[in-house]
């Protein structure tokens, strides 16, 4: 039996969607600015609604907006005609998505929004449609050629999704949402892991294996055994970090010098240890460790890079990424 090859079909679908996105890019105008400003100025919720495949796109856009700090939820067009309209308040911004702009299910919501003077952002392709005429802000999507019999929602939905993503990212930029802010909305899962900072995982206070640089190595051995990190951070009388000692260093020196117990820490330590800011991403810290073939990093804050406020061990990061 001849083996079917569907690569040509796949490429054709992707080509049609690329053409749709290029048309969409060329259609972006000041209405997009108006839509972003309306979302930013909203002191309540951003509500999205669509019918069929557009409803699925609405749900995704709503989730993306919420993930970047803009409270949003999706409503069902059918349920709105049976009581759920009450969940939409006058202070909300309503985003309705319909490729044709003529979906029967949206008529009652459009009338409700206009009657109550709720800001309505419409995403549609036909300028003679009810949604286009009724929208306060019109995000017009160019008509496109669909893949699959020319009728399966493909090119149109990728355009809807892209305009929604663009709204979310523009809002994120305007609100100056940082990676640290973004992490608050993604505490778990793969994203949460990637966005964890050194501060989230580091050891602090009494868990930090500090030792004075003028202490003897005999004392250093006691502390490194007690702390069980295989590392000591040396400080001067001002509390500034001056060096670091690892159990590997101690083993190598003990083999060469039987009297090393009497030596001072500052004679043995590695000076100017690598230190990272507490807001450094944990994965970045792991990369630094791998590049320098070390297992621990000192952690500082913005005010004084010479003072260590924490220590992060490679095991802390690996445990966090595997749990």
C-alpha atoms as a PDB file:
ATOM      1  CA  UNK A   1       0.000   0.000   0.000  1.00  0.00           C
ATOM      2  CA  UNK A   2       1.289   3.413  -0.966  1.00  0.00           C
ATOM      3  CA  UNK A   3       2.236   5.544   2.013  1.00  0.00           C
ATOM      4  CA  UNK A   4       0.345   8.855   2.056  1.00  0.00           C
ATOM      5  CA  UNK A   5       2.329  12.086   2.293  1.00  0.00           C
ATOM      6  CA  UNK A   6       0.464  15.012   3.806  1.00  0.00           C
ATOM      7  CA  UNK A   7       3.335  17.496   3.938  1.00  0.00           C
ATOM      8  CA  UNK A   8       1.986  19.448   0.974  1.00  0.00           C
ATOM      9  CA  UNK A   9      -1.347  19.918   2.719  1.00  0.00           C
ATOM     10  CA  UNK A  10       0.391  21.061   5.904  1.00  0.00           C
ATOM     11  CA  UNK A  11       2.465  23.611   4.017  1.00  0.00           C
ATOM     12  CA  UNK A  12      -0.605  24.907   2.180  1.00  0.00           C
ATOM     13  CA  UNK A  13      -2.477  25.428   5.464  1.00  0.00           C
ATOM     14  CA  UNK A  14       0.480  27.274   6.960  1.00  0.00           C
ATOM     15  CA  UNK A  15       0.903  29.400   3.830  1.00  0.00           C
ATOM     16  CA  UNK A  16      -2.737  30.495   4.008  1.00  0.00           C
ATOM     17  CA  UNK A  17      -2.376  31.392   7.664  1.00  0.00           C
ATOM     18  CA  UNK A  18       0.841  33.325   7.020  1.00  0.00           C
ATOM     19  CA  UNK A  19      -0.946  35.330   4.319  1.00  0.00           C
ATOM     20  CA  UNK A  20      -3.759  36.033   6.776  1.00  0.00           C
ATOM     21  CA  UNK A  21      -1.314  37.308   9.395  1.00  0.00           C
ATOM     22  CA  UNK A  22       0.431  39.539   6.854  1.00  0.00           C
ATOM     23  CA  UNK A  23      -2.925  41.089   5.925  1.00  0.00           C
ATOM     24  CA  UNK A  24      -3.718  41.526   9.609  1.00  0.00           C
ATOM     25  CA  UNK A  25      -0.381  43.241  10.237  1.00  0.00           C
ATOM     26  CA  UNK A  26      -1.091  45.718   7.479  1.00  0.00           C
ATOM     27  CA  UNK A  27      -4.533  46.504   8.882  1.00  0.00           C
ATOM     28  CA  UNK A  28      -3.418  47.607  12.361  1.00  0.00           C
ATOM     29  CA  UNK A  29      -4.441  51.246  12.869  1.00  0.00           C
ATOM     30  CA  UNK A  30      -5.295  53.714  15.633  1.00  0.00           C
ATOM     31  CA  UNK A  31      -8.263  51.614  16.693  1.00  0.00           C
ATOM     32  CA  UNK A  32      -5.762  49.213  18.207  1.00  0.00           C
ATOM     33  CA  UNK A  33      -4.367  52.080  20.337  1.00  0.00           C
ATOM     34  CA  UNK A  34      -7.903  52.923  21.436  1.00  0.00           C
ATOM     35  CA  UNK A  35      -8.553  49.305  22.409  1.00  0.00           C
ATOM     36  CA  UNK A  36      -5.373  49.073  24.497  1.00  0.00           C
ATOM     37  CA  UNK A  37      -6.136  52.366  26.256  1.00  0.00           C
ATOM     38  CA  UNK A  38      -9.681  51.195  27.023  1.00  0.00           C
ATOM     39  CA  UNK A  39      -8.350  47.995  28.575  1.00  0.00           C
ATOM     40  CA  UNK A  40      -5.735  49.852  30.631  1.00  0.00           C
ATOM     41  CA  UNK A  41      -8.212  52.458  31.903  1.00  0.00           C
ATOM     42  CA  UNK A  42     -10.786  49.840  32.871  1.00  0.00           C
ATOM     43  CA  UNK A  43     -11.173  49.727  36.660  1.00  0.00           C
ATOM     44  CA  UNK A  44     -13.299  46.618  36.552  1.00  0.00           C
ATOM     45  CA  UNK A  45     -13.105  43.488  34.357  1.00  0.00           C
ATOM     46  CA  UNK A  46     -12.396  42.700  30.739  1.00  0.00           C
ATOM     47  CA  UNK A  47     -15.079  40.335  29.481  1.00  0.00           C
ATOM     48  CA  UNK A  48     -14.729  38.326  26.283  1.00  0.00           C
ATOM     49  CA  UNK A  49     -17.315  36.465  24.302  1.00  0.00           C
ATOM     50  CA  UNK A  50     -17.497  34.682  20.984  1.00  0.00           C
ATOM     51  CA  UNK A  51     -19.506  31.979  19.268  1.00  0.00           C
ATOM     52  CA  UNK A  52     -18.179  28.593  18.147  1.00  0.00           C
ATOM     53  CA  UNK A  53     -14.461  28.628  17.368  1.00  0.00           C
ATOM     54  CA  UNK A  54     -14.403  32.353  18.133  1.00  0.00           C
ATOM     55  CA  UNK A  55     -15.610  31.459  21.621  1.00  0.00           C
ATOM     56  CA  UNK A  56     -12.567  29.238  22.109  1.00  0.00           C
ATOM     57  CA  UNK A  57     -10.321  32.074  20.943  1.00  0.00           C
ATOM     58  CA  UNK A  58     -12.100  34.410  23.385  1.00  0.00           C
ATOM     59  CA  UNK A  59     -11.312  32.025  26.244  1.00  0.00           C
ATOM     60  CA  UNK A  60      -7.631  31.940  25.322  1.00  0.00           C
ATOM     61  CA  UNK A  61      -7.361  35.738  25.052  1.00  0.00           C
ATOM     62  CA  UNK A  62      -9.129  36.125  28.404  1.00  0.00           C
ATOM     63  CA  UNK A  63      -6.680  33.703  30.032  1.00  0.00           C
ATOM     64  CA  UNK A  64      -3.716  35.573  28.544  1.00  0.00           C
ATOM     65  CA  UNK A  65      -4.976  38.941  29.783  1.00  0.00           C
ATOM     66  CA  UNK A  66      -5.472  37.561  33.291  1.00  0.00           C
ATOM     67  CA  UNK A  67      -1.987  36.061  33.211  1.00  0.00           C
ATOM     68  CA  UNK A  68      -0.453  39.513  32.713  1.00  0.00           C
ATOM     69  CA  UNK A  69      -2.382  41.210  35.495  1.00  0.00           C
ATOM     70  CA  UNK A  70      -5.561  42.332  33.707  1.00  0.00           C
ATOM     71  CA  UNK A  71      -8.610  40.717  35.401  1.00  0.00           C
ATOM     72  CA  UNK A  72     -10.620  39.013  32.678  1.00  0.00           C
ATOM     73  CA  UNK A  73     -13.102  36.224  32.131  1.00  0.00           C
ATOM     74  CA  UNK A  74     -15.071  34.719  29.279  1.00  0.00           C
ATOM     75  CA  UNK A  75     -18.861  34.416  29.085  1.00  0.00           C
ATOM     76  CA  UNK A  76     -21.032  32.122  26.989  1.00  0.00           C
ATOM     77  CA  UNK A  77     -23.138  33.875  24.369  1.00  0.00           C
ATOM     78  CA  UNK A  78     -25.982  31.387  24.854  1.00  0.00           C
ATOM     79  CA  UNK A  79     -25.936  31.623  28.646  1.00  0.00           C
ATOM     80  CA  UNK A  80     -25.979  35.408  28.484  1.00  0.00           C
ATOM     81  CA  UNK A  81     -29.440  35.195  26.950  1.00  0.00           C
ATOM     82  CA  UNK A  82     -30.536  33.114  29.935  1.00  0.00           C
ATOM     83  CA  UNK A  83     -29.395  35.155  32.910  1.00  0.00           C
ATOM     84  CA  UNK A  84     -25.616  35.504  32.669  1.00  0.00           C
ATOM     85  CA  UNK A  85     -25.900  39.028  31.281  1.00  0.00           C
ATOM     86  CA  UNK A  86     -26.031  40.150  34.892  1.00  0.00           C
ATOM     87  CA  UNK A  87     -22.337  39.303  35.259  1.00  0.00           C
ATOM     88  CA  UNK A  88     -21.466  42.204  32.951  1.00  0.00           C
ATOM     89  CA  UNK A  89     -21.356  45.569  34.733  1.00  0.00           C
ATOM     90  CA  UNK A  90     -21.320  49.114  33.365  1.00  0.00           C
ATOM     91  CA  UNK A  91     -17.683  49.551  34.411  1.00  0.00           C
ATOM     92  CA  UNK A  92     -16.520  46.529  32.422  1.00  0.00           C
ATOM     93  CA  UNK A  93     -15.004  46.489  28.947  1.00  0.00           C
ATOM     94  CA  UNK A  94     -16.658  43.943  26.675  1.00  0.00           C
ATOM     95  CA  UNK A  95     -14.776  42.342  23.784  1.00  0.00           C
ATOM     96  CA  UNK A  96     -16.945  40.462  21.286  1.00  0.00           C
ATOM     97  CA  UNK A  97     -15.355  38.259  18.636  1.00  0.00           C
ATOM     98  CA  UNK A  98     -17.126  37.153  15.472  1.00  0.00           C
ATOM     99  CA  UNK A  99     -15.500  36.706  12.084  1.00  0.00           C
ATOM    100  CA  UNK A 100     -18.692  37.631  10.239  1.00  0.00           C
ATOM    101  CA  UNK A 101     -19.930  40.029  12.905  1.00  0.00           C
ATOM    102  CA  UNK A 102     -23.445  38.764  12.303  1.00  0.00           C
ATOM    103  CA  UNK A 103     -23.716  35.866  14.770  1.00  0.00           C
ATOM    104  CA  UNK A 104     -27.303  35.672  16.025  1.00  0.00           C
ATOM    105  CA  UNK A 105     -26.139  34.644  19.491  1.00  0.00           C
ATOM    106  CA  UNK A 106     -24.343  37.973  19.981  1.00  0.00           C
ATOM    107  CA  UNK A 107     -27.317  40.234  19.198  1.00  0.00           C
ATOM    108  CA  UNK A 108     -28.711  40.289  22.747  1.00  0.00           C
ATOM    109  CA  UNK A 109     -25.265  40.992  24.232  1.00  0.00           C
ATOM    110  CA  UNK A 110     -24.661  43.837  21.761  1.00  0.00           C
ATOM    111  CA  UNK A 111     -28.042  45.393  22.606  1.00  0.00           C
ATOM    112  CA  UNK A 112     -27.352  45.029  26.334  1.00  0.00           C
ATOM    113  CA  UNK A 113     -23.924  46.688  26.003  1.00  0.00           C
ATOM    114  CA  UNK A 114     -25.238  49.601  23.936  1.00  0.00           C
ATOM    115  CA  UNK A 115     -28.250  50.116  26.185  1.00  0.00           C
ATOM    116  CA  UNK A 116     -26.082  50.225  29.330  1.00  0.00           C
ATOM    117  CA  UNK A 117     -23.276  52.217  27.720  1.00  0.00           C
ATOM    118  CA  UNK A 118     -20.731  49.455  28.297  1.00  0.00           C
ATOM    119  CA  UNK A 119     -17.547  49.980  26.285  1.00  0.00           C
ATOM    120  CA  UNK A 120     -17.719  47.494  23.425  1.00  0.00           C
ATOM    121  CA  UNK A 121     -14.655  46.390  21.464  1.00  0.00           C
ATOM    122  CA  UNK A 122     -15.605  44.396  18.388  1.00  0.00           C
ATOM    123  CA  UNK A 123     -13.284  42.035  16.496  1.00  0.00           C
ATOM    124  CA  UNK A 124     -14.818  41.212  13.107  1.00  0.00           C
ATOM    125  CA  UNK A 125     -14.191  41.168   9.367  1.00  0.00           C
ATOM    126  CA  UNK A 126     -17.361  42.566   7.783  1.00  0.00           C
ATOM    127  CA  UNK A 127     -17.904  46.319   7.936  1.00  0.00           C
ATOM    128  CA  UNK A 128     -21.584  46.051   7.154  1.00  0.00           C
ATOM    129  CA  UNK A 129     -22.219  43.777  10.145  1.00  0.00           C
ATOM    130  CA  UNK A 130     -24.162  44.562  13.313  1.00  0.00           C
ATOM    131  CA  UNK A 131     -21.065  44.086  15.466  1.00  0.00           C
ATOM    132  CA  UNK A 132     -19.036  46.544  13.395  1.00  0.00           C
ATOM    133  CA  UNK A 133     -21.751  49.206  13.520  1.00  0.00           C
ATOM    134  CA  UNK A 134     -22.451  48.750  17.240  1.00  0.00           C
ATOM    135  CA  UNK A 135     -18.845  48.648  18.491  1.00  0.00           C
ATOM    136  CA  UNK A 136     -17.321  51.657  20.227  1.00  0.00           C
ATOM    137  CA  UNK A 137     -13.894  50.451  19.110  1.00  0.00           C
ATOM    138  CA  UNK A 138     -13.665  48.462  15.889  1.00  0.00           C
ATOM    139  CA  UNK A 139     -10.786  46.020  15.408  1.00  0.00           C
ATOM    140  CA  UNK A 140     -11.308  45.055  11.797  1.00  0.00           C
ATOM    141  CA  UNK A 141      -9.759  41.790  10.636  1.00  0.00           C
ATOM    142  CA  UNK A 142      -9.273  41.525   6.846  1.00  0.00           C
ATOM    143  CA  UNK A 143     -11.234  38.784   5.115  1.00  0.00           C
ATOM    144  CA  UNK A 144      -9.056  35.735   4.515  1.00  0.00           C
ATOM    145  CA  UNK A 145      -9.047  32.405   2.707  1.00  0.00           C
ATOM    146  CA  UNK A 146      -9.754  29.521   5.068  1.00  0.00           C
ATOM    147  CA  UNK A 147      -7.968  26.173   4.734  1.00  0.00           C
ATOM    148  CA  UNK A 148     -10.023  22.995   4.376  1.00  0.00           C
ATOM    149  CA  UNK A 149     -12.794  23.390   1.787  1.00  0.00           C
ATOM    150  CA  UNK A 150     -12.343  27.123   2.153  1.00  0.00           C
ATOM    151  CA  UNK A 151     -14.786  27.152   5.085  1.00  0.00           C
ATOM    152  CA  UNK A 152     -13.044  25.563   8.095  1.00  0.00           C
ATOM    153  CA  UNK A 153     -12.126  28.333  10.594  1.00  0.00           C
ATOM    154  CA  UNK A 154      -8.328  28.369  10.372  1.00  0.00           C
ATOM    155  CA  UNK A 155      -6.910  31.549   8.863  1.00  0.00           C
ATOM    156  CA  UNK A 156      -9.621  33.606  10.559  1.00  0.00           C
ATOM    157  CA  UNK A 157      -9.058  32.117  14.009  1.00  0.00           C
ATOM    158  CA  UNK A 158      -5.290  32.548  13.803  1.00  0.00           C
ATOM    159  CA  UNK A 159      -5.949  36.227  13.028  1.00  0.00           C
ATOM    160  CA  UNK A 160      -8.312  36.555  15.993  1.00  0.00           C
ATOM    161  CA  UNK A 161      -5.825  34.872  18.283  1.00  0.00           C
ATOM    162  CA  UNK A 162      -2.990  37.121  17.086  1.00  0.00           C
ATOM    163  CA  UNK A 163      -4.906  40.352  17.618  1.00  0.00           C
ATOM    164  CA  UNK A 164      -5.784  39.128  21.106  1.00  0.00           C
ATOM    165  CA  UNK A 165      -2.170  38.301  21.897  1.00  0.00           C
ATOM    166  CA  UNK A 166      -1.152  41.721  20.604  1.00  0.00           C
ATOM    167  CA  UNK A 167      -3.658  43.401  22.935  1.00  0.00           C
ATOM    168  CA  UNK A 168      -2.363  41.440  25.915  1.00  0.00           C
ATOM    169  CA  UNK A 169       1.308  42.161  25.201  1.00  0.00           C
ATOM    170  CA  UNK A 170       0.659  45.858  24.521  1.00  0.00           C
ATOM    171  CA  UNK A 171      -1.223  46.061  27.823  1.00  0.00           C
ATOM    172  CA  UNK A 172       1.608  44.250  29.596  1.00  0.00           C
ATOM    173  CA  UNK A 173       4.149  46.746  28.229  1.00  0.00           C
ATOM    174  CA  UNK A 174       2.050  49.780  29.116  1.00  0.00           C
ATOM    175  CA  UNK A 175       1.523  48.543  32.673  1.00  0.00           C
ATOM    176  CA  UNK A 176       5.254  47.774  32.873  1.00  0.00           C
ATOM    177  CA  UNK A 177       4.663  44.233  34.074  1.00  0.00           C
ATOM    178  CA  UNK A 178       8.045  42.677  34.898  1.00  0.00           C
ATOM    179  CA  UNK A 179       9.091  39.025  34.950  1.00  0.00           C
ATOM    180  CA  UNK A 180       8.811  39.231  38.724  1.00  0.00           C
ATOM    181  CA  UNK A 181       5.216  40.455  38.436  1.00  0.00           C
ATOM    182  CA  UNK A 182       4.473  37.795  35.832  1.00  0.00           C
ATOM    183  CA  UNK A 183       5.744  35.121  38.200  1.00  0.00           C
ATOM    184  CA  UNK A 184       3.071  36.096  40.752  1.00  0.00           C
ATOM    185  CA  UNK A 185       0.399  34.900  38.352  1.00  0.00           C
ATOM    186  CA  UNK A 186       2.294  31.662  37.548  1.00  0.00           C
ATOM    187  CA  UNK A 187       3.459  30.234  40.892  1.00  0.00           C
ATOM    188  CA  UNK A 188       3.281  26.622  39.712  1.00  0.00           C
ATOM    189  CA  UNK A 189       3.998  24.540  36.651  1.00  0.00           C
ATOM    190  CA  UNK A 190       6.760  24.895  34.100  1.00  0.00           C
ATOM    191  CA  UNK A 191       6.409  28.672  33.817  1.00  0.00           C
ATOM    192  CA  UNK A 192       6.575  29.072  37.574  1.00  0.00           C
ATOM    193  CA  UNK A 193       9.759  27.023  37.690  1.00  0.00           C
ATOM    194  CA  UNK A 194      11.414  29.022  34.916  1.00  0.00           C
ATOM    195  CA  UNK A 195      10.527  32.311  36.594  1.00  0.00           C
ATOM    196  CA  UNK A 196      11.770  31.434  40.057  1.00  0.00           C
ATOM    197  CA  UNK A 197      14.525  33.730  41.234  1.00  0.00           C
ATOM    198  CA  UNK A 198      17.560  33.091  43.357  1.00  0.00           C
ATOM    199  CA  UNK A 199      15.752  34.792  46.247  1.00  0.00           C
ATOM    200  CA  UNK A 200      13.026  32.128  46.084  1.00  0.00           C
ATOM    201  CA  UNK A 201      15.502  29.278  46.612  1.00  0.00           C
ATOM    202  CA  UNK A 202      18.500  30.652  48.499  1.00  0.00           C
ATOM    203  CA  UNK A 203      19.470  29.834  52.092  1.00  0.00           C
ATOM    204  CA  UNK A 204      19.472  32.829  54.439  1.00  0.00           C
ATOM    205  CA  UNK A 205      20.359  34.018  57.937  1.00  0.00           C
ATOM    206  CA  UNK A 206      21.783  31.297  60.201  1.00  0.00           C
ATOM    207  CA  UNK A 207      21.793  28.775  57.357  1.00  0.00           C
ATOM    208  CA  UNK A 208      24.505  30.742  55.539  1.00  0.00           C
ATOM    209  CA  UNK A 209      27.915  29.141  56.316  1.00  0.00           C
ATOM    210  CA  UNK A 210      29.766  32.312  57.312  1.00  0.00           C
ATOM    211  CA  UNK A 211      33.262  32.394  58.816  1.00  0.00           C
ATOM    212  CA  UNK A 212      35.600  35.237  59.651  1.00  0.00           C
ATOM    213  CA  UNK A 213      38.562  35.430  57.270  1.00  0.00           C
ATOM    214  CA  UNK A 214      40.956  35.544  60.252  1.00  0.00           C
ATOM    215  CA  UNK A 215      39.620  32.330  61.776  1.00  0.00           C
ATOM    216  CA  UNK A 216      41.763  29.219  61.725  1.00  0.00           C
ATOM    217  CA  UNK A 217      41.164  26.370  59.328  1.00  0.00           C
ATOM    218  CA  UNK A 218      40.575  24.180  62.379  1.00  0.00           C
ATOM    219  CA  UNK A 219      37.500  26.258  63.132  1.00  0.00           C
ATOM    220  CA  UNK A 220      36.564  26.261  59.445  1.00  0.00           C
ATOM    221  CA  UNK A 221      36.459  22.458  59.434  1.00  0.00           C
ATOM    222  CA  UNK A 222      33.993  22.470  62.348  1.00  0.00           C
ATOM    223  CA  UNK A 223      31.644  24.952  60.617  1.00  0.00           C
ATOM    224  CA  UNK A 224      31.746  23.309  57.197  1.00  0.00           C
ATOM    225  CA  UNK A 225      30.913  19.971  58.836  1.00  0.00           C
ATOM    226  CA  UNK A 226      28.071  21.538  60.838  1.00  0.00           C
ATOM    227  CA  UNK A 227      26.466  23.418  57.906  1.00  0.00           C
ATOM    228  CA  UNK A 228      26.717  20.428  55.527  1.00  0.00           C
ATOM    229  CA  UNK A 229      26.903  22.560  52.370  1.00  0.00           C
ATOM    230  CA  UNK A 230      30.497  21.811  51.440  1.00  0.00           C
ATOM    231  CA  UNK A 231      31.135  25.562  51.297  1.00  0.00           C
ATOM    232  CA  UNK A 232      32.132  28.410  53.606  1.00  0.00           C
ATOM    233  CA  UNK A 233      31.771  32.127  52.913  1.00  0.00           C
ATOM    234  CA  UNK A 234      34.555  34.238  54.419  1.00  0.00           C
ATOM    235  CA  UNK A 235      33.883  37.746  55.718  1.00  0.00           C
ATOM    236  CA  UNK A 236      36.010  40.584  57.107  1.00  0.00           C
ATOM    237  CA  UNK A 237      35.329  42.593  60.252  1.00  0.00           C
ATOM    238  CA  UNK A 238      32.926  44.842  58.309  1.00  0.00           C
ATOM    239  CA  UNK A 239      30.766  41.896  57.316  1.00  0.00           C
ATOM    240  CA  UNK A 240      31.857  42.111  53.695  1.00  0.00           C
ATOM    241  CA  UNK A 241      32.368  38.921  51.728  1.00  0.00           C
ATOM    242  CA  UNK A 242      36.047  38.413  50.895  1.00  0.00           C
ATOM    243  CA  UNK A 243      36.306  34.811  49.800  1.00  0.00           C
ATOM    244  CA  UNK A 244      34.936  31.287  49.645  1.00  0.00           C
ATOM    245  CA  UNK A 245      36.253  27.889  50.679  1.00  0.00           C
ATOM    246  CA  UNK A 246      35.002  24.520  49.478  1.00  0.00           C
ATOM    247  CA  UNK A 247      35.517  21.062  50.941  1.00  0.00           C
ATOM    248  CA  UNK A 248      37.397  20.201  47.729  1.00  0.00           C
ATOM    249  CA  UNK A 249      39.948  22.912  48.461  1.00  0.00           C
ATOM    250  CA  UNK A 250      40.341  21.672  52.009  1.00  0.00           C
ATOM    251  CA  UNK A 251      40.990  18.096  50.873  1.00  0.00           C
ATOM    252  CA  UNK A 252      43.622  19.163  48.366  1.00  0.00           C
ATOM    253  CA  UNK A 253      45.439  21.431  50.853  1.00  0.00           C
ATOM    254  CA  UNK A 254      45.329  18.855  53.660  1.00  0.00           C
ATOM    255  CA  UNK A 255      47.173  16.393  51.409  1.00  0.00           C
ATOM    256  CA  UNK A 256      49.979  18.896  50.797  1.00  0.00           C
ATOM    257  CA  UNK A 257      50.222  20.528  54.215  1.00  0.00           C
ATOM    258  CA  UNK A 258      49.713  18.563  57.434  1.00  0.00           C
ATOM    259  CA  UNK A 259      49.746  21.764  59.495  1.00  0.00           C
ATOM    260  CA  UNK A 260      47.069  23.570  57.482  1.00  0.00           C
ATOM    261  CA  UNK A 261      44.754  23.540  60.562  1.00  0.00           C
ATOM    262  CA  UNK A 262      46.689  26.431  62.019  1.00  0.00           C
ATOM    263  CA  UNK A 263      46.530  28.597  58.905  1.00  0.00           C
ATOM    264  CA  UNK A 264      44.054  31.429  58.603  1.00  0.00           C
ATOM    265  CA  UNK A 265      41.063  31.155  56.336  1.00  0.00           C
ATOM    266  CA  UNK A 266      42.169  34.118  54.215  1.00  0.00           C
ATOM    267  CA  UNK A 267      45.341  32.249  53.266  1.00  0.00           C
ATOM    268  CA  UNK A 268      43.370  29.345  51.877  1.00  0.00           C
ATOM    269  CA  UNK A 269      40.183  30.882  50.472  1.00  0.00           C
ATOM    270  CA  UNK A 270      39.433  31.802  46.878  1.00  0.00           C
ATOM    271  CA  UNK A 271      39.144  35.574  46.820  1.00  0.00           C
ATOM    272  CA  UNK A 272      36.323  37.571  45.206  1.00  0.00           C
ATOM    273  CA  UNK A 273      33.803  34.743  44.856  1.00  0.00           C
ATOM    274  CA  UNK A 274      31.128  34.970  42.173  1.00  0.00           C
ATOM    275  CA  UNK A 275      28.024  36.717  43.484  1.00  0.00           C
ATOM    276  CA  UNK A 276      24.620  37.214  41.865  1.00  0.00           C
ATOM    277  CA  UNK A 277      21.750  39.547  42.615  1.00  0.00           C
ATOM    278  CA  UNK A 278      18.772  38.099  44.473  1.00  0.00           C
ATOM    279  CA  UNK A 279      16.502  38.823  41.473  1.00  0.00           C
ATOM    280  CA  UNK A 280      18.599  36.687  39.120  1.00  0.00           C
ATOM    281  CA  UNK A 281      16.550  33.883  37.597  1.00  0.00           C
ATOM    282  CA  UNK A 282      17.406  30.533  39.150  1.00  0.00           C
ATOM    283  CA  UNK A 283      18.020  29.018  35.715  1.00  0.00           C
ATOM    284  CA  UNK A 284      20.505  31.810  34.972  1.00  0.00           C
ATOM    285  CA  UNK A 285      22.275  31.065  38.256  1.00  0.00           C
ATOM    286  CA  UNK A 286      22.467  27.389  37.280  1.00  0.00           C
ATOM    287  CA  UNK A 287      24.030  28.375  33.971  1.00  0.00           C
ATOM    288  CA  UNK A 288      26.642  30.490  35.779  1.00  0.00           C
ATOM    289  CA  UNK A 289      27.511  27.537  38.024  1.00  0.00           C
ATOM    290  CA  UNK A 290      27.900  25.203  35.070  1.00  0.00           C
ATOM    291  CA  UNK A 291      30.047  27.666  33.136  1.00  0.00           C
ATOM    292  CA  UNK A 292      32.386  28.185  36.091  1.00  0.00           C
ATOM    293  CA  UNK A 293      32.269  24.549  37.273  1.00  0.00           C
ATOM    294  CA  UNK A 294      31.166  25.499  40.787  1.00  0.00           C
ATOM    295  CA  UNK A 295      28.294  24.347  42.989  1.00  0.00           C
ATOM    296  CA  UNK A 296      27.410  27.475  45.009  1.00  0.00           C
ATOM    297  CA  UNK A 297      26.905  31.185  44.505  1.00  0.00           C
ATOM    298  CA  UNK A 298      26.855  34.066  46.950  1.00  0.00           C
ATOM    299  CA  UNK A 299      23.744  36.228  46.723  1.00  0.00           C
ATOM    300  CA  UNK A 300      23.674  40.002  47.161  1.00  0.00           C
ATOM    301  CA  UNK A 301      21.104  42.774  46.914  1.00  0.00           C
ATOM    302  CA  UNK A 302      21.116  46.093  45.096  1.00  0.00           C
ATOM    303  CA  UNK A 303      22.346  48.218  48.000  1.00  0.00           C
ATOM    304  CA  UNK A 304      25.647  46.466  48.726  1.00  0.00           C
ATOM    305  CA  UNK A 305      27.139  43.873  46.404  1.00  0.00           C
ATOM    306  CA  UNK A 306      29.963  43.195  48.862  1.00  0.00           C
ATOM    307  CA  UNK A 307      27.637  41.790  51.506  1.00  0.00           C
ATOM    308  CA  UNK A 308      26.172  38.319  51.131  1.00  0.00           C
ATOM    309  CA  UNK A 309      22.501  37.968  52.091  1.00  0.00           C
ATOM    310  CA  UNK A 310      22.118  34.367  50.966  1.00  0.00           C
ATOM    311  CA  UNK A 311      23.751  31.373  49.364  1.00  0.00           C
ATOM    312  CA  UNK A 312      22.316  29.192  46.636  1.00  0.00           C
ATOM    313  CA  UNK A 313      23.555  25.676  46.008  1.00  0.00           C
ATOM    314  CA  UNK A 314      23.132  23.791  42.759  1.00  0.00           C
ATOM    315  CA  UNK A 315      21.042  21.209  44.615  1.00  0.00           C
ATOM    316  CA  UNK A 316      18.494  23.906  45.590  1.00  0.00           C
ATOM    317  CA  UNK A 317      17.867  24.662  41.915  1.00  0.00           C
ATOM    318  CA  UNK A 318      17.839  21.064  40.714  1.00  0.00           C
ATOM    319  CA  UNK A 319      15.357  20.041  43.403  1.00  0.00           C
ATOM    320  CA  UNK A 320      13.067  22.943  42.485  1.00  0.00           C
ATOM    321  CA  UNK A 321      13.074  22.053  38.787  1.00  0.00           C
ATOM    322  CA  UNK A 322      12.394  18.363  39.295  1.00  0.00           C
ATOM    323  CA  UNK A 323       9.585  18.616  41.864  1.00  0.00           C
END
